[in-house]
Amino acid sequence: MKIKFSKIAQLEYEEIINYLYDNFGKEKAIKFSDLLKKNLNQVNQFPESFSFFQNTDKRKFMLNPYITVIYNVNKDLKCIEILNFWFNRSNPEVLLQHL
């Protein structure tokens, strides 16, 4: 399946990478990016093996202790759309309003 990022997810990803680079250096930013790629490979192989987010049809995986990735499996388009990078300490009700 093809993996694509929503506009929001792309912006959130760039913000995270910039934050890591500015505050912790290039190595941390690269490590985060590599971890995301590894997890996306797993999602691509087994897209429906991850749990649902709250009571929605969207799925999630925890990227690290701070960030959960929300995604949607679109069987018609044969793609996995990354919807959001969610900070785990945030209120999930806010995210539900955006989904």
Protein backbone atom coordinates (compact mmCIF):
# COMPACT_ATOMS: atom_id res chain seq x y z
CA MET A 1 0.00 0.00 0.00
CA LYS A 2 1.02 3.55 -0.60
CA ILE A 3 1.59 5.75 2.47
CA LYS A 4 0.71 9.41 2.29
CA PHE A 5 0.55 12.22 4.82
CA SER A 6 -2.37 14.57 5.26
CA LYS A 7 -1.46 18.26 5.12
CA ILE A 8 -1.83 18.52 8.89
CA ALA A 9 0.35 15.46 9.52
CA GLN A 10 3.02 16.79 7.15
CA LEU A 11 3.11 20.10 9.03
CA GLU A 12 3.20 18.34 12.41
CA TYR A 13 6.03 16.09 11.25
CA GLU A 14 8.06 19.07 10.05
CA GLU A 15 7.47 20.89 13.34
CA ILE A 16 8.66 17.87 15.32
CA ILE A 17 11.79 17.45 13.17
CA ASN A 18 12.60 21.17 13.43
CA TYR A 19 12.07 21.13 17.20
CA LEU A 20 14.31 18.09 17.65
CA TYR A 21 16.98 19.54 15.38
CA ASP A 22 16.95 22.95 17.06
CA ASN A 23 16.87 21.66 20.63
CA PHE A 24 18.68 18.30 20.53
CA GLY A 25 20.69 18.26 17.33
CA LYS A 26 20.74 16.54 13.98
CA GLU A 27 21.20 13.02 15.39
CA LYS A 28 17.94 13.14 17.39
CA ALA A 29 16.02 14.43 14.37
CA ILE A 30 17.42 11.64 12.19
CA LYS A 31 16.73 9.04 14.89
CA PHE A 32 13.08 10.18 15.05
CA SER A 33 12.75 10.06 11.27
CA ASP A 34 14.28 6.56 11.15
CA LEU A 35 11.95 5.35 13.91
CA LEU A 36 8.96 6.68 11.98
CA LYS A 37 10.10 4.90 8.80
CA LYS A 38 10.51 1.64 10.69
CA ASN A 39 7.03 1.90 12.18
CA LEU A 40 5.47 2.89 8.86
CA ASN A 41 6.96 -0.25 7.31
CA GLN A 42 5.19 -2.31 9.97
CA VAL A 43 1.93 -0.44 9.38
CA ASN A 44 2.30 -1.01 5.66
CA GLN A 45 2.77 -4.75 6.16
CA PHE A 46 -0.03 -5.14 8.73
CA PRO A 47 -2.24 -2.03 8.48
CA GLU A 48 -5.17 -3.47 10.39
CA SER A 49 -3.22 -5.05 13.24
CA PHE A 50 -3.01 -1.83 15.24
CA SER A 51 -5.74 -0.73 17.61
CA PHE A 52 -8.46 1.80 16.93
CA PHE A 53 -8.25 5.32 18.29
CA GLN A 54 -11.06 5.83 20.80
CA ASN A 55 -14.40 4.92 19.20
CA THR A 56 -13.44 5.83 15.63
CA ASP A 57 -12.50 3.91 12.51
CA LYS A 58 -9.00 5.48 12.66
CA ARG A 59 -6.06 3.45 13.90
CA LYS A 60 -3.06 4.38 16.01
CA PHE A 61 0.43 3.33 16.97
CA MET A 62 2.68 4.73 19.63
CA LEU A 63 5.84 6.02 18.01
CA ASN A 64 7.58 6.81 21.30
CA PRO A 65 6.45 7.62 24.86
CA TYR A 66 5.47 11.12 23.74
CA ILE A 67 3.87 10.73 20.31
CA THR A 68 1.12 8.55 18.88
CA VAL A 69 0.47 8.44 15.14
CA ILE A 70 -3.15 8.37 13.96
CA TYR A 71 -3.82 6.89 10.53
CA ASN A 72 -6.57 5.70 8.25
CA VAL A 73 -6.61 2.67 5.97
CA ASN A 74 -8.32 3.44 2.68
CA LYS A 75 -8.90 0.13 0.91
CA ASP A 76 -10.52 1.76 -2.11
CA LEU A 77 -7.49 3.93 -2.83
CA LYS A 78 -5.10 1.26 -1.55
CA CYS A 79 -3.33 3.70 0.71
CA ILE A 80 -2.58 4.44 4.32
CA GLU A 81 -3.06 8.07 5.22
CA ILE A 82 -1.16 9.45 8.18
CA LEU A 83 -3.61 11.90 9.77
CA ASN A 84 -1.94 13.25 12.90
CA PHE A 85 1.04 13.11 15.21
CA TRP A 86 -0.59 13.26 18.62
CA PHE A 87 1.24 14.29 21.80
CA ASN A 88 0.21 11.70 24.36
CA ARG A 89 -0.25 14.19 27.18
CA SER A 90 -2.82 16.16 25.20
CA ASN A 91 -6.55 15.85 25.61
CA PRO A 92 -7.85 13.20 23.15
CA GLU A 93 -11.20 14.98 22.94
CA VAL A 94 -9.48 17.77 21.00
CA LEU A 95 -8.13 15.29 18.46
CA LEU A 96 -11.54 13.62 18.13
CA GLN A 97 -12.99 16.98 17.07
CA HIS A 98 -10.44 17.16 14.23
CA LEU A 99 -10.97 13.65 12.97
